C-alpha atoms as a PDB file:
ATOM      1  CA  MET A   1      16.341  56.622 -38.640  1.00  0.00           C
ATOM      2  CA  VAL A   2      14.397  55.038 -35.770  1.00  0.00           C
ATOM      3  CA  SER A   3      13.485  57.455 -33.027  1.00  0.00           C
ATOM      4  CA  LYS A   4      13.942  56.722 -29.359  1.00  0.00           C
ATOM      5  CA  THR A   5      10.095  56.590 -28.923  1.00  0.00           C
ATOM      6  CA  ASP A   6       9.873  54.001 -31.756  1.00  0.00           C
ATOM      7  CA  LYS A   7      12.632  51.876 -30.114  1.00  0.00           C
ATOM      8  CA  ILE A   8      10.691  51.885 -26.783  1.00  0.00           C
ATOM      9  CA  ALA A   9       7.511  50.967 -28.572  1.00  0.00           C
ATOM     10  CA  VAL A  10       9.290  48.013 -30.331  1.00  0.00           C
ATOM     11  CA  LEU A  11      10.782  46.797 -27.078  1.00  0.00           C
ATOM     12  CA  ALA A  12       7.348  47.023 -25.404  1.00  0.00           C
ATOM     13  CA  VAL A  13       5.902  44.827 -28.194  1.00  0.00           C
ATOM     14  CA  VAL A  14       8.677  42.354 -27.712  1.00  0.00           C
ATOM     15  CA  LEU A  15       8.243  42.152 -24.050  1.00  0.00           C
ATOM     16  CA  ILE A  16       4.531  41.742 -24.365  1.00  0.00           C
ATOM     17  CA  ALA A  17       5.010  38.996 -26.979  1.00  0.00           C
ATOM     18  CA  ALA A  18       7.512  37.335 -24.500  1.00  0.00           C
ATOM     19  CA  VAL A  19       4.964  37.462 -21.718  1.00  0.00           C
ATOM     20  CA  PHE A  20       2.354  35.725 -23.961  1.00  0.00           C
ATOM     21  CA  VAL A  21       4.724  33.047 -25.055  1.00  0.00           C
ATOM     22  CA  GLY A  22       5.627  32.467 -21.460  1.00  0.00           C
ATOM     23  CA  GLU A  23       1.913  32.242 -20.494  1.00  0.00           C
ATOM     24  CA  TYR A  24       1.379  29.738 -23.303  1.00  0.00           C
ATOM     25  CA  LEU A  25       4.329  27.607 -22.176  1.00  0.00           C
ATOM     26  CA  THR A  26       3.119  27.623 -18.637  1.00  0.00           C
ATOM     27  CA  TYR A  27      -0.684  27.195 -19.088  1.00  0.00           C
ATOM     28  CA  GLY A  28      -1.329  26.305 -22.621  1.00  0.00           C
ATOM     29  CA  TYR A  29       1.164  23.439 -22.974  1.00  0.00           C
ATOM     30  CA  GLU A  30      -0.469  20.063 -22.918  1.00  0.00           C
ATOM     31  CA  VAL A  31       1.553  17.767 -20.508  1.00  0.00           C
ATOM     32  CA  ASP A  32       2.319  14.326 -21.722  1.00  0.00           C
ATOM     33  CA  ARG A  33       2.113  11.719 -18.947  1.00  0.00           C
ATOM     34  CA  ASP A  34       2.533   7.938 -19.093  1.00  0.00           C
ATOM     35  CA  ALA A  35       3.552   5.002 -16.873  1.00  0.00           C
ATOM     36  CA  SER A  36       4.524   1.359 -17.423  1.00  0.00           C
ATOM     37  CA  ALA A  37       5.325  -1.717 -15.388  1.00  0.00           C
ATOM     38  CA  SER A  38       7.104  -4.978 -15.983  1.00  0.00           C
ATOM     39  CA  TRP A  39       6.686  -8.008 -13.757  1.00  0.00           C
ATOM     40  CA  GLU A  40       9.244 -10.638 -12.687  1.00  0.00           C
ATOM     41  CA  SER A  41       8.886 -13.537 -10.172  1.00  0.00           C
ATOM     42  CA  ASP A  42      10.448 -11.448  -7.399  1.00  0.00           C
ATOM     43  CA  LYS A  43       9.965  -7.873  -8.295  1.00  0.00           C
ATOM     44  CA  VAL A  44       7.946  -5.335 -10.339  1.00  0.00           C
ATOM     45  CA  SER A  45       9.749  -2.496 -12.057  1.00  0.00           C
ATOM     46  CA  TYR A  46       7.946   0.677 -13.220  1.00  0.00           C
ATOM     47  CA  SER A  47       8.470   3.883 -15.010  1.00  0.00           C
ATOM     48  CA  VAL A  48       6.695   7.275 -14.759  1.00  0.00           C
ATOM     49  CA  LYS A  49       6.888   9.938 -17.424  1.00  0.00           C
ATOM     50  CA  SER A  50       5.862  13.549 -17.502  1.00  0.00           C
ATOM     51  CA  SER A  51       6.704  16.458 -19.781  1.00  0.00           C
ATOM     52  CA  GLY A  52       5.689  18.837 -16.993  1.00  0.00           C
ATOM     53  CA  SER A  53       6.399  18.662 -13.383  1.00  0.00           C
ATOM     54  CA  ASP A  54       4.379  16.326 -11.188  1.00  0.00           C
ATOM     55  CA  GLU A  55       4.445  14.429  -7.905  1.00  0.00           C
ATOM     56  CA  TYR A  56       3.858  10.830  -8.405  1.00  0.00           C
ATOM     57  CA  ARG A  57       2.965   7.910  -6.240  1.00  0.00           C
ATOM     58  CA  ALA A  58       3.318   4.112  -6.885  1.00  0.00           C
ATOM     59  CA  VAL A  59       1.164   2.132  -4.663  1.00  0.00           C
ATOM     60  CA  LEU A  60       1.578  -1.671  -4.345  1.00  0.00           C
ATOM     61  CA  PHE A  61      -1.010  -3.917  -2.749  1.00  0.00           C
ATOM     62  CA  ASP A  62      -2.220  -7.545  -2.738  1.00  0.00           C
ATOM     63  CA  ASN A  63      -5.886  -8.417  -3.636  1.00  0.00           C
ATOM     64  CA  ALA A  64      -5.633 -11.912  -2.168  1.00  0.00           C
ATOM     65  CA  GLY A  65      -7.387 -13.506  -5.185  1.00  0.00           C
ATOM     66  CA  GLN A  66     -10.455 -11.127  -5.048  1.00  0.00           C
ATOM     67  CA  VAL A  67     -11.285 -10.127  -8.677  1.00  0.00           C
ATOM     68  CA  PRO A  68     -11.470  -6.327  -8.768  1.00  0.00           C
ATOM     69  CA  VAL A  69     -13.963  -4.360 -10.888  1.00  0.00           C
ATOM     70  CA  SER A  70     -12.724  -3.652 -14.438  1.00  0.00           C
ATOM     71  CA  LYS A  71     -16.122  -2.949 -16.077  1.00  0.00           C
ATOM     72  CA  LEU A  72     -18.563  -0.363 -14.496  1.00  0.00           C
ATOM     73  CA  TYR A  73     -22.199   0.365 -15.137  1.00  0.00           C
ATOM     74  CA  ILE A  74     -23.637   3.490 -13.564  1.00  0.00           C
ATOM     75  CA  TYR A  75     -27.352   3.437 -12.878  1.00  0.00           C
ATOM     76  CA  VAL A  76     -29.043   6.763 -13.638  1.00  0.00           C
ATOM     77  CA  ASP A  77     -32.454   6.932 -12.142  1.00  0.00           C
ATOM     78  CA  GLY A  78     -34.892   8.582 -14.547  1.00  0.00           C
ATOM     79  CA  THR A  79     -37.388   8.998 -11.661  1.00  0.00           C
ATOM     80  CA  TYR A  80     -34.846  10.722  -9.347  1.00  0.00           C
ATOM     81  CA  ASP A  81     -36.414  14.318  -9.355  1.00  0.00           C
ATOM     82  CA  LYS A  82     -39.995  12.838  -9.394  1.00  0.00           C
ATOM     83  CA  TYR A  83     -39.695  11.063  -6.020  1.00  0.00           C
ATOM     84  CA  TYR A  84     -36.807  12.958  -4.347  1.00  0.00           C
ATOM     85  CA  ARG A  85     -39.152  14.934  -2.072  1.00  0.00           C
ATOM     86  CA  ASP A  86     -40.995  11.823  -1.011  1.00  0.00           C
ATOM     87  CA  ALA A  87     -37.797  10.129  -0.104  1.00  0.00           C
ATOM     88  CA  CYS A  88     -36.835  13.077   2.003  1.00  0.00           C
ATOM     89  CA  ASP A  89     -40.228  13.147   3.779  1.00  0.00           C
ATOM     90  CA  LEU A  90     -40.079   9.382   4.422  1.00  0.00           C
ATOM     91  CA  SER A  91     -36.448   9.304   5.700  1.00  0.00           C
ATOM     92  CA  ASP A  92     -35.660   8.917   9.336  1.00  0.00           C
ATOM     93  CA  GLY A  93     -32.875  11.293  10.104  1.00  0.00           C
ATOM     94  CA  ALA A  94     -30.560  12.378   7.281  1.00  0.00           C
ATOM     95  CA  LYS A  95     -32.117  13.030   3.938  1.00  0.00           C
ATOM     96  CA  PRO A  96     -30.672  11.578   0.648  1.00  0.00           C
ATOM     97  CA  CYS A  97     -28.251  13.905  -0.957  1.00  0.00           C
ATOM     98  CA  TYR A  98     -29.563  15.757  -4.040  1.00  0.00           C
ATOM     99  CA  ILE A  99     -27.763  15.573  -7.358  1.00  0.00           C
ATOM    100  CA  GLU A 100     -28.391  16.101 -11.039  1.00  0.00           C
ATOM    101  CA  ALA A 101     -27.875  12.333 -11.721  1.00  0.00           C
ATOM    102  CA  GLY A 102     -26.857  12.399 -15.408  1.00  0.00           C
ATOM    103  CA  TYR A 103     -24.328  15.130 -14.781  1.00  0.00           C
ATOM    104  CA  TYR A 104     -22.773  13.464 -11.768  1.00  0.00           C
ATOM    105  CA  ALA A 105     -22.557  10.126 -13.670  1.00  0.00           C
ATOM    106  CA  GLU A 106     -20.626  11.875 -16.408  1.00  0.00           C
ATOM    107  CA  GLN A 107     -18.270  13.395 -13.839  1.00  0.00           C
ATOM    108  CA  VAL A 108     -17.620   9.889 -12.446  1.00  0.00           C
ATOM    109  CA  ARG A 109     -16.858   8.675 -15.917  1.00  0.00           C
ATOM    110  CA  GLU A 110     -14.359  11.481 -16.447  1.00  0.00           C
ATOM    111  CA  SER A 111     -12.816  11.051 -13.043  1.00  0.00           C
ATOM    112  CA  LEU A 112     -12.088   7.418 -13.857  1.00  0.00           C
ATOM    113  CA  LYS A 113     -11.055   8.173 -17.353  1.00  0.00           C
ATOM    114  CA  ILE A 114      -8.067  10.320 -16.297  1.00  0.00           C
ATOM    115  CA  ARG A 115      -7.008   7.465 -14.022  1.00  0.00           C
ATOM    116  CA  GLY A 116      -6.939   4.971 -16.902  1.00  0.00           C
ATOM    117  CA  PHE A 117     -10.283   3.276 -16.131  1.00  0.00           C
ATOM    118  CA  THR A 118     -12.342   3.672 -19.351  1.00  0.00           C
ATOM    119  CA  ASP A 119     -14.872   0.843 -19.476  1.00  0.00           C
ATOM    120  CA  VAL A 120     -17.810   2.758 -18.089  1.00  0.00           C
ATOM    121  CA  THR A 121     -21.414   2.706 -19.195  1.00  0.00           C
ATOM    122  CA  LEU A 122     -24.388   4.790 -18.108  1.00  0.00           C
ATOM    123  CA  ILE A 123     -27.627   2.670 -17.920  1.00  0.00           C
ATOM    124  CA  ASP A 124     -31.253   3.090 -17.020  1.00  0.00           C
ATOM    125  CA  GLY A 125     -33.510   0.836 -14.985  1.00  0.00           C
ATOM    126  CA  ILE A 126     -34.466  -1.544 -17.789  1.00  0.00           C
ATOM    127  CA  GLU A 127     -30.805  -1.894 -18.841  1.00  0.00           C
ATOM    128  CA  LEU A 128     -29.887  -2.564 -15.181  1.00  0.00           C
ATOM    129  CA  GLU A 129     -32.273  -5.520 -14.959  1.00  0.00           C
ATOM    130  CA  GLU A 130     -30.998  -6.849 -18.278  1.00  0.00           C
ATOM    131  CA  ILE A 131     -27.332  -6.627 -17.237  1.00  0.00           C
ATOM    132  CA  LEU A 132     -27.901  -8.307 -13.888  1.00  0.00           C
ATOM    133  CA  ARG A 133     -29.770 -11.170 -15.484  1.00  0.00           C
ATOM    134  CA  SER A 134     -27.378 -11.652 -18.194  1.00  0.00           C
ATOM    135  CA  THR A 135     -24.313 -11.723 -16.113  1.00  0.00           C
ATOM    136  CA  MET A 136     -25.708 -13.618 -13.069  1.00  0.00           C
ATOM    137  CA  SER A 137     -23.240 -16.537 -13.619  1.00  0.00           C
ATOM    138  CA  SER A 138     -20.405 -14.315 -14.683  1.00  0.00           C
ATOM    139  CA  SER A 139     -20.522 -11.183 -12.430  1.00  0.00           C
ATOM    140  CA  ALA A 140     -17.017 -11.258 -11.178  1.00  0.00           C
ATOM    141  CA  GLY A 141     -15.115  -8.078 -12.310  1.00  0.00           C
ATOM    142  CA  ILE A 142     -18.354  -6.212 -13.100  1.00  0.00           C
ATOM    143  CA  GLY A 143     -19.434  -3.206 -11.002  1.00  0.00           C
ATOM    144  CA  ILE A 144     -22.834  -1.526 -10.577  1.00  0.00           C
ATOM    145  CA  MET A 145     -22.858   2.058  -9.285  1.00  0.00           C
ATOM    146  CA  VAL A 146     -26.143   3.356  -7.788  1.00  0.00           C
ATOM    147  CA  LEU A 147     -26.437   7.180  -7.901  1.00  0.00           C
ATOM    148  CA  SER A 148     -29.824   7.264  -6.409  1.00  0.00           C
ATOM    149  CA  TYR A 149     -31.704   6.873  -3.214  1.00  0.00           C
ATOM    150  CA  ALA A 150     -33.855   4.128  -4.685  1.00  0.00           C
ATOM    151  CA  ILE A 151     -33.584   1.022  -6.895  1.00  0.00           C
ATOM    152  CA  PRO A 152     -36.080  -0.311  -9.393  1.00  0.00           C
ATOM    153  CA  GLY A 153     -38.352  -2.937  -7.777  1.00  0.00           C
ATOM    154  CA  SER A 154     -37.562  -5.289 -10.624  1.00  0.00           C
ATOM    155  CA  VAL A 155     -34.123  -5.841  -9.153  1.00  0.00           C
ATOM    156  CA  TYR A 156     -34.719  -5.171  -5.484  1.00  0.00           C
ATOM    157  CA  SER A 157     -37.845  -4.617  -3.365  1.00  0.00           C
ATOM    158  CA  GLY A 158     -36.689  -5.074   0.224  1.00  0.00           C
ATOM    159  CA  GLN A 159     -35.871  -8.762   0.461  1.00  0.00           C
ATOM    160  CA  SER A 160     -32.670 -10.750   0.607  1.00  0.00           C
ATOM    161  CA  ASP A 161     -33.606 -13.165  -2.176  1.00  0.00           C
ATOM    162  CA  CYS A 162     -33.774 -10.666  -4.976  1.00  0.00           C
ATOM    163  CA  LEU A 163     -31.890 -10.177  -8.242  1.00  0.00           C
ATOM    164  CA  LEU A 164     -29.423  -7.550  -7.122  1.00  0.00           C
ATOM    165  CA  VAL A 165     -28.431  -9.242  -3.913  1.00  0.00           C
ATOM    166  CA  ASN A 166     -28.012 -12.603  -5.623  1.00  0.00           C
ATOM    167  CA  TRP A 167     -25.902 -10.966  -8.257  1.00  0.00           C
ATOM    168  CA  VAL A 168     -23.563  -9.444  -5.765  1.00  0.00           C
ATOM    169  CA  ASN A 169     -23.254 -12.757  -3.834  1.00  0.00           C
ATOM    170  CA  GLY A 170     -22.236 -14.373  -7.082  1.00  0.00           C
ATOM    171  CA  GLY A 171     -19.121 -12.213  -7.441  1.00  0.00           C
ATOM    172  CA  GLY A 172     -20.385  -8.645  -8.642  1.00  0.00           C
ATOM    173  CA  GLY A 173     -19.368  -5.315  -7.064  1.00  0.00           C
ATOM    174  CA  LEU A 174     -21.995  -2.774  -5.965  1.00  0.00           C
ATOM    175  CA  TYR A 175     -21.047   0.876  -5.241  1.00  0.00           C
ATOM    176  CA  TRP A 176     -23.534   2.913  -3.271  1.00  0.00           C
ATOM    177  CA  LEU A 177     -23.238   6.603  -2.873  1.00  0.00           C
ATOM    178  CA  SER A 178     -24.885   9.324  -0.592  1.00  0.00           C
ATOM    179  CA  SER A 179     -27.954   7.726   0.758  1.00  0.00           C
ATOM    180  CA  GLU A 180     -28.982   4.942   3.156  1.00  0.00           C
ATOM    181  CA  ILE A 181     -28.273   1.777   1.300  1.00  0.00           C
ATOM    182  CA  GLY A 182     -31.448  -0.279   0.300  1.00  0.00           C
ATOM    183  CA  ARG A 183     -34.001   1.967   2.047  1.00  0.00           C
ATOM    184  CA  PHE A 184     -36.192   2.751  -1.011  1.00  0.00           C
ATOM    185  CA  TYR A 185     -37.292   1.070  -4.249  1.00  0.00           C
ATOM    186  CA  THR A 186     -39.627   2.205  -7.094  1.00  0.00           C
ATOM    187  CA  ASP A 187     -42.152   0.616  -9.276  1.00  0.00           C
ATOM    188  CA  ASP A 188     -45.251   1.570 -11.320  1.00  0.00           C
ATOM    189  CA  ASP A 189     -47.081   2.596  -8.086  1.00  0.00           C
ATOM    190  CA  GLY A 190     -44.323   5.042  -7.050  1.00  0.00           C
ATOM    191  CA  LEU A 191     -41.821   5.167  -4.345  1.00  0.00           C
ATOM    192  CA  HIS A 192     -41.824   2.545  -1.528  1.00  0.00           C
ATOM    193  CA  LYS A 193     -39.956   2.560   1.830  1.00  0.00           C
ATOM    194  CA  VAL A 194     -38.562  -0.771   2.862  1.00  0.00           C
ATOM    195  CA  SER A 195     -39.717  -1.734   6.269  1.00  0.00           C
ATOM    196  CA  GLY A 196     -37.340  -3.261   8.899  1.00  0.00           C
ATOM    197  CA  ASP A 197     -33.543  -3.272   8.565  1.00  0.00           C
ATOM    198  CA  CYS A 198     -32.696  -2.857   4.936  1.00  0.00           C
ATOM    199  CA  THR A 199     -29.038  -3.380   5.518  1.00  0.00           C
ATOM    200  CA  ALA A 200     -29.615  -7.081   6.429  1.00  0.00           C
ATOM    201  CA  TYR A 201     -30.862  -7.821   3.023  1.00  0.00           C
ATOM    202  CA  PHE A 202     -27.502  -6.844   1.544  1.00  0.00           C
ATOM    203  CA  PHE A 203     -25.069  -7.917   4.167  1.00  0.00           C
ATOM    204  CA  GLY A 204     -26.900 -10.856   5.658  1.00  0.00           C
ATOM    205  CA  THR A 205     -26.835  -9.167   9.166  1.00  0.00           C
ATOM    206  CA  SER A 206     -27.853  -5.828  10.636  1.00  0.00           C
ATOM    207  CA  VAL A 207     -25.298  -3.130   9.887  1.00  0.00           C
ATOM    208  CA  PRO A 208     -25.401   0.274  11.513  1.00  0.00           C
ATOM    209  CA  VAL A 209     -25.715   3.255   9.192  1.00  0.00           C
ATOM    210  CA  ASP A 210     -24.775   6.757  10.164  1.00  0.00           C
ATOM    211  CA  CYS A 211     -28.166   8.426   9.343  1.00  0.00           C
ATOM    212  CA  ASP A 212     -28.018  11.099  12.076  1.00  0.00           C
ATOM    213  CA  ASP A 213     -29.351  14.385  10.710  1.00  0.00           C
ATOM    214  CA  LYS A 214     -26.198  16.478  11.139  1.00  0.00           C
ATOM    215  CA  ASP A 215     -25.433  20.015  10.215  1.00  0.00           C
ATOM    216  CA  GLU A 216     -22.691  20.870   7.796  1.00  0.00           C
ATOM    217  CA  LEU A 217     -19.896  20.929  10.433  1.00  0.00           C
ATOM    218  CA  GLY A 218     -21.311  18.019  12.555  1.00  0.00           C
ATOM    219  CA  TYR A 219     -20.290  15.216  10.310  1.00  0.00           C
ATOM    220  CA  ILE A 220     -16.743  16.478   9.372  1.00  0.00           C
ATOM    221  CA  THR A 221     -14.184  14.269  11.076  1.00  0.00           C
ATOM    222  CA  GLY A 222     -10.412  14.529  11.263  1.00  0.00           C
ATOM    223  CA  ASN A 223      -9.617  10.822  11.944  1.00  0.00           C
ATOM    224  CA  PRO A 224      -7.962   8.843   9.129  1.00  0.00           C
ATOM    225  CA  VAL A 225      -8.940   5.142   8.905  1.00  0.00           C
ATOM    226  CA  GLY A 226      -7.629   2.229   6.750  1.00  0.00           C
ATOM    227  CA  GLY A 227      -4.021   2.591   7.730  1.00  0.00           C
ATOM    228  CA  VAL A 228      -1.658   3.722   4.948  1.00  0.00           C
ATOM    229  CA  PHE A 229      -4.138   3.322   2.127  1.00  0.00           C
ATOM    230  CA  THR A 230      -5.756   6.679   3.043  1.00  0.00           C
ATOM    231  CA  GLU A 231      -2.501   8.510   2.810  1.00  0.00           C
ATOM    232  CA  ALA A 232      -1.124   6.555  -0.099  1.00  0.00           C
ATOM    233  CA  LEU A 233      -4.229   7.274  -2.315  1.00  0.00           C
ATOM    234  CA  CYS A 234      -4.582  10.873  -1.110  1.00  0.00           C
ATOM    235  CA  LEU A 235      -8.186  10.235  -0.078  1.00  0.00           C
ATOM    236  CA  LYS A 236     -10.060  13.410   0.922  1.00  0.00           C
ATOM    237  CA  ASN A 237     -13.653  12.925   1.794  1.00  0.00           C
ATOM    238  CA  SER A 238     -14.004  13.197   5.553  1.00  0.00           C
ATOM    239  CA  THR A 239     -17.825  12.845   5.733  1.00  0.00           C
ATOM    240  CA  THR A 240     -19.289   9.805   7.402  1.00  0.00           C
ATOM    241  CA  GLU A 241     -22.992  10.595   6.783  1.00  0.00           C
ATOM    242  CA  PHE A 242     -24.581   7.353   5.328  1.00  0.00           C
ATOM    243  CA  GLY A 243     -21.359   5.484   6.055  1.00  0.00           C
ATOM    244  CA  ILE A 244     -21.604   2.117   7.660  1.00  0.00           C
ATOM    245  CA  ASP A 245     -19.937   0.420  10.618  1.00  0.00           C
ATOM    246  CA  ILE A 246     -18.591  -2.995   9.393  1.00  0.00           C
ATOM    247  CA  THR A 247     -17.615  -4.382  12.826  1.00  0.00           C
ATOM    248  CA  GLY A 248     -17.886  -8.091  12.680  1.00  0.00           C
ATOM    249  CA  LEU A 249     -17.928  -8.158   8.859  1.00  0.00           C
ATOM    250  CA  SER A 250     -15.057  -9.052   6.477  1.00  0.00           C
ATOM    251  CA  GLY A 251     -13.758  -6.048   4.729  1.00  0.00           C
ATOM    252  CA  ILE A 252     -11.763  -2.875   4.944  1.00  0.00           C
ATOM    253  CA  GLN A 253     -12.555   0.837   5.639  1.00  0.00           C
ATOM    254  CA  LEU A 254     -10.704   3.802   4.058  1.00  0.00           C
ATOM    255  CA  GLY A 255     -10.659   7.561   4.309  1.00  0.00           C
ATOM    256  CA  PHE A 256     -11.826   9.199   7.471  1.00  0.00           C
ATOM    257  CA  GLY A 257     -14.259   8.119  10.249  1.00  0.00           C
ATOM    258  CA  GLU A 258     -15.342   8.075  13.853  1.00  0.00           C
ATOM    259  CA  GLY A 259     -17.473   5.777  16.021  1.00  0.00           C
ATOM    260  CA  GLY A 260     -16.977   2.756  13.696  1.00  0.00           C
ATOM    261  CA  TYR A 261     -18.367   4.701  10.659  1.00  0.00           C
ATOM    262  CA  ALA A 262     -16.089   5.511   7.695  1.00  0.00           C
ATOM    263  CA  SER A 263     -16.267   7.626   4.545  1.00  0.00           C
ATOM    264  CA  ILE A 264     -15.469   4.475   2.590  1.00  0.00           C
ATOM    265  CA  SER A 265     -16.268   0.938   3.523  1.00  0.00           C
ATOM    266  CA  LEU A 266     -15.571  -2.149   1.256  1.00  0.00           C
ATOM    267  CA  VAL A 267     -17.382  -5.308   2.497  1.00  0.00           C
ATOM    268  CA  SER A 268     -17.187  -8.869   1.387  1.00  0.00           C
ATOM    269  CA  VAL A 269     -20.658 -10.324   0.511  1.00  0.00           C
ATOM    270  CA  GLY A 270     -20.579 -13.980  -0.632  1.00  0.00           C
ATOM    271  CA  SER A 271     -18.179 -14.005  -3.614  1.00  0.00           C
ATOM    272  CA  GLY A 272     -18.755 -10.337  -4.336  1.00  0.00           C
ATOM    273  CA  MET A 273     -18.334  -6.914  -2.698  1.00  0.00           C
ATOM    274  CA  ILE A 274     -20.275  -3.865  -1.604  1.00  0.00           C
ATOM    275  CA  CYS A 275     -18.549  -0.501  -1.443  1.00  0.00           C
ATOM    276  CA  VAL A 276     -20.349   2.303   0.422  1.00  0.00           C
ATOM    277  CA  PHE A 277     -19.106   5.901  -0.138  1.00  0.00           C
ATOM    278  CA  ALA A 278     -20.432   8.307   2.542  1.00  0.00           C
ATOM    279  CA  GLY A 279     -21.182  11.941   2.292  1.00  0.00           C
ATOM    280  CA  GLY A 280     -22.658  14.182  -0.304  1.00  0.00           C
ATOM    281  CA  PHE A 281     -22.018  14.419  -3.991  1.00  0.00           C
ATOM    282  CA  ASP A 282     -19.019  16.820  -4.080  1.00  0.00           C
ATOM    283  CA  ILE A 283     -15.481  16.999  -5.526  1.00  0.00           C
ATOM    284  CA  ASN A 284     -13.858  15.225  -2.526  1.00  0.00           C
ATOM    285  CA  GLN A 285     -16.187  12.315  -2.962  1.00  0.00           C
ATOM    286  CA  LEU A 286     -15.725  12.215  -6.709  1.00  0.00           C
ATOM    287  CA  ASP A 287     -11.999  12.018  -6.376  1.00  0.00           C
ATOM    288  CA  ASP A 288     -12.138   9.259  -3.789  1.00  0.00           C
ATOM    289  CA  VAL A 289     -14.412   7.338  -6.126  1.00  0.00           C
ATOM    290  CA  GLY A 290     -11.973   7.687  -8.948  1.00  0.00           C
ATOM    291  CA  GLN A 291      -9.001   6.535  -6.695  1.00  0.00           C
ATOM    292  CA  VAL A 292     -10.807   3.537  -5.213  1.00  0.00           C
ATOM    293  CA  ILE A 293     -12.162   2.064  -8.409  1.00  0.00           C
ATOM    294  CA  ALA A 294      -9.329   2.970 -10.895  1.00  0.00           C
ATOM    295  CA  SER A 295      -6.810   1.479  -8.491  1.00  0.00           C
ATOM    296  CA  LYS A 296      -8.669  -1.860  -8.446  1.00  0.00           C
ATOM    297  CA  LEU A 297      -8.989  -1.956  -4.680  1.00  0.00           C
ATOM    298  CA  THR A 298     -11.258  -4.682  -3.215  1.00  0.00           C
ATOM    299  CA  CYS A 299     -12.603  -5.758   0.177  1.00  0.00           C
ATOM    300  CA  ASP A 300      -9.581  -8.041   0.538  1.00  0.00           C
ATOM    301  CA  SER A 301      -6.858  -5.531  -0.452  1.00  0.00           C
ATOM    302  CA  VAL A 302      -3.764  -5.483   1.741  1.00  0.00           C
ATOM    303  CA  PHE A 303      -1.186  -2.657   1.524  1.00  0.00           C
ATOM    304  CA  ILE A 304       2.385  -3.722   0.649  1.00  0.00           C
ATOM    305  CA  SER A 305       4.336  -0.603  -0.123  1.00  0.00           C
ATOM    306  CA  MET A 306       4.418   2.839  -1.600  1.00  0.00           C
ATOM    307  CA  GLN A 307       6.978   4.994  -3.405  1.00  0.00           C
ATOM    308  CA  LYS A 308       6.658   8.716  -4.092  1.00  0.00           C
ATOM    309  CA  ASP A 309       8.841  11.367  -5.750  1.00  0.00           C
ATOM    310  CA  LYS A 310       8.732  14.164  -8.320  1.00  0.00           C
ATOM    311  CA  VAL A 311       9.017  13.692 -12.091  1.00  0.00           C
ATOM    312  CA  THR A 312      10.039  16.756 -14.070  1.00  0.00           C
ATOM    313  CA  ARG A 313      10.338  16.606 -17.842  1.00  0.00           C
ATOM    314  CA  GLU A 314      11.855  13.125 -17.662  1.00  0.00           C
ATOM    315  CA  THR A 315      11.186   9.449 -17.033  1.00  0.00           C
ATOM    316  CA  VAL A 316      11.616   8.245 -13.467  1.00  0.00           C
ATOM    317  CA  ARG A 317      12.110   4.455 -12.726  1.00  0.00           C
ATOM    318  CA  GLY A 318      11.764   2.326  -9.632  1.00  0.00           C
ATOM    319  CA  SER A 319      10.932  -1.172  -8.423  1.00  0.00           C
ATOM    320  CA  PHE A 320       9.486  -3.105  -5.645  1.00  0.00           C
ATOM    321  CA  GLY A 321      10.317  -6.551  -4.312  1.00  0.00           C
ATOM    322  CA  LEU A 322       7.520  -9.134  -4.605  1.00  0.00           C
ATOM    323  CA  SER A 323       6.323 -11.993  -2.307  1.00  0.00           C
ATOM    324  CA  THR A 324       2.802 -12.419  -3.656  1.00  0.00           C
ATOM    325  CA  SER A 325       1.231 -13.615  -6.871  1.00  0.00           C
ATOM    326  CA  ASP A 326      -1.755 -11.237  -6.800  1.00  0.00           C
ATOM    327  CA  ALA A 327      -0.122  -7.844  -6.596  1.00  0.00           C
ATOM    328  CA  TYR A 328      -1.568  -4.757  -8.116  1.00  0.00           C
ATOM    329  CA  LEU A 329       0.392  -1.468  -8.824  1.00  0.00           C
ATOM    330  CA  PHE A 330      -1.393   1.814  -9.063  1.00  0.00           C
ATOM    331  CA  ILE A 331       0.631   4.748 -10.349  1.00  0.00           C
ATOM    332  CA  TYR A 332      -0.767   8.289 -10.347  1.00  0.00           C
ATOM    333  CA  THR A 333       0.447  11.745 -10.754  1.00  0.00           C
ATOM    334  CA  GLY A 334      -0.817  15.026  -9.231  1.00  0.00           C
ATOM    335  CA  GLY A 335      -1.070  13.910  -5.574  1.00  0.00           C
ATOM    336  CA  THR A 336      -4.243  15.354  -4.032  1.00  0.00           C
ATOM    337  CA  TYR A 337      -5.452  16.560  -7.440  1.00  0.00           C
ATOM    338  CA  THR A 338      -4.850  13.578  -9.534  1.00  0.00           C
ATOM    339  CA  ASN A 339      -4.254  14.243 -13.258  1.00  0.00           C
ATOM    340  CA  PHE A 340      -3.210  10.817 -14.544  1.00  0.00           C
ATOM    341  CA  GLY A 341      -3.363   7.253 -13.298  1.00  0.00           C
ATOM    342  CA  ALA A 342      -2.751   3.705 -14.509  1.00  0.00           C
ATOM    343  CA  CYS A 343      -3.156   0.278 -12.762  1.00  0.00           C
ATOM    344  CA  PHE A 344      -0.974  -2.796 -13.521  1.00  0.00           C
ATOM    345  CA  HIS A 345      -1.264  -6.513 -12.661  1.00  0.00           C
ATOM    346  CA  ALA A 346       1.054  -9.289 -13.627  1.00  0.00           C
END
């Protein structure tokens, strides 16, 4: 015969087991997410699937014929630590933001991967030169990301007629993060500061850069720019330090800004594009980098429409009317903290 005490003990075990099962179902269950799209002459239909519960957004935009980046190379500077202090000492105003370059490059790759962008390769200075030379006549759709305050002198040494600038003008995409664009280069003799206006070498004209040496609170802004793209993509970084003012240039600004500077600027340069991400290396910038690149935004992107809703253990379907032949549809789940993404083009 089972005593009352034994029955209570058995009940306690059952309850504890139930709690653990509940915890597993809540936290240990791997959520299955997916999306698809089908294109017709006058509309695009899509579906979003989640075995959990997610907010989703479907963002439709037109790239007006500009080829977006679909293959990304991330330059990891092997001399970053060696010359970082020198770069700080030689900088006028704000100092380059310090990172562990290899680690941050891996985080960028992971941020892109969860959004469906997987063609990412980490490269050194020698490989950077090789890639620029071998793709000079076919750079459209290829992106180079600079995670350093300096570029190897073999591809740029403070002049407009250099390998990197010519490559961008030919159709490539350059992504620059968290330092004054083009201010330093390195060679066998060390770190060199470019004299004069380094922005003119890249953009063909002088471009103001927000290099004021601000304190932590001084460069946080609360002014969204870029119209509905900022809200549609849940962009978060509100830092303008090292951002540029693109007044008079062809391009778009996203994120947050003030005084003409923005946290994200995409500028048309020849047949290519330069994208400057302002601020320091942090989670807000990292997420914005993932959203902008994985969504296939370009300097010519024009917002068309957005739909958002929740998907909970089901497949949700929707559609947009079309009046353009170069539309892109970026679908992602998770809202501010994106956990899945996919981009579609007819």
